[in-house]
Amino acid sequence: MIATIGWIGAVAMVAASFLMTITLGKILAIFGLLLLTIQARHNRQNNLIALNLSSIIGFSYSLMQVL
């Protein structure tokens, strides 16, 4: 189950990279990072958890600027 969550998160991040100039890209990035954070938490990868949370904050800030 965790592996599936990680793969879905990775696919969302790849899709987001092509759509970053529109709102959907930022939403996909946040969604993908949330899923990847679940996987990182399961694997106790604290450095990736910190990186993902920082990125979520950054993408959320960027998204708020658009809305």
Protein backbone atom coordinates (compact mmCIF):
# COMPACT_ATOMS: atom_id res chain seq x y z
CA MET A 1 0.00 0.00 0.00
CA ILE A 2 2.79 2.44 0.91
CA ALA A 3 4.59 1.68 -2.34
CA THR A 4 1.43 2.46 -4.31
CA ILE A 5 1.02 5.75 -2.46
CA GLY A 6 4.63 6.60 -3.31
CA TRP A 7 4.17 5.78 -6.99
CA ILE A 8 1.01 7.86 -7.23
CA GLY A 9 2.85 10.73 -5.55
CA ALA A 10 5.74 10.40 -8.00
CA VAL A 11 3.40 10.40 -11.00
CA ALA A 12 1.63 13.48 -9.64
CA MET A 13 4.99 15.26 -9.29
CA VAL A 14 5.98 14.38 -12.86
CA ALA A 15 2.64 15.67 -14.16
CA ALA A 16 3.01 18.80 -12.03
CA SER A 17 6.38 19.59 -13.57
CA PHE A 18 4.75 19.97 -16.98
CA LEU A 19 1.85 22.05 -15.65
CA MET A 20 3.64 24.30 -13.14
CA THR A 21 2.65 27.51 -14.94
CA ILE A 22 -1.04 26.88 -14.25
CA THR A 23 -2.94 26.40 -11.01
CA LEU A 24 -3.43 22.67 -11.59
CA GLY A 25 0.34 22.14 -11.60
CA LYS A 26 0.71 23.64 -8.13
CA ILE A 27 -2.21 21.60 -6.81
CA LEU A 28 -0.72 18.40 -8.26
CA ALA A 29 2.65 19.24 -6.72
CA ILE A 30 1.12 19.69 -3.27
CA PHE A 31 -0.88 16.46 -3.66
CA GLY A 32 2.17 14.53 -4.87
CA LEU A 33 4.35 15.83 -2.06
CA LEU A 34 1.73 14.91 0.52
CA LEU A 35 1.70 11.35 -0.78
CA LEU A 36 5.50 11.19 -0.91
CA THR A 37 5.63 12.51 2.65
CA ILE A 38 3.45 9.59 3.77
CA GLN A 39 5.94 7.21 2.18
CA ALA A 40 8.92 9.04 3.70
CA ARG A 41 7.29 8.94 7.13
CA HIS A 42 6.73 5.21 6.82
CA ASN A 43 10.39 4.74 5.90
CA ARG A 44 11.56 7.17 8.62
CA GLN A 45 13.38 9.39 6.15
CA ASN A 46 13.35 12.60 8.16
CA ASN A 47 15.40 14.57 5.66
CA LEU A 48 12.83 13.91 2.93
CA ILE A 49 9.98 14.73 5.30
CA ALA A 50 11.56 18.13 6.00
CA LEU A 51 12.21 18.73 2.30
CA ASN A 52 8.66 17.76 1.32
CA LEU A 53 7.06 19.91 4.02
CA SER A 54 9.18 22.90 2.98
CA SER A 55 8.15 22.36 -0.63
CA ILE A 56 4.48 22.03 0.33
CA ILE A 57 4.70 25.38 2.15
CA GLY A 58 6.37 26.97 -0.88
CA PHE A 59 3.86 25.61 -3.39
CA SER A 60 0.98 26.59 -1.09
CA TYR A 61 2.32 30.14 -0.89
CA SER A 62 2.68 30.23 -4.66
CA LEU A 63 -0.85 28.88 -5.07
CA MET A 64 -2.27 31.53 -2.72
CA GLN A 65 -0.65 34.24 -4.86
CA VAL A 66 -2.62 32.98 -7.87
CA LEU A 67 -6.00 32.53 -6.18
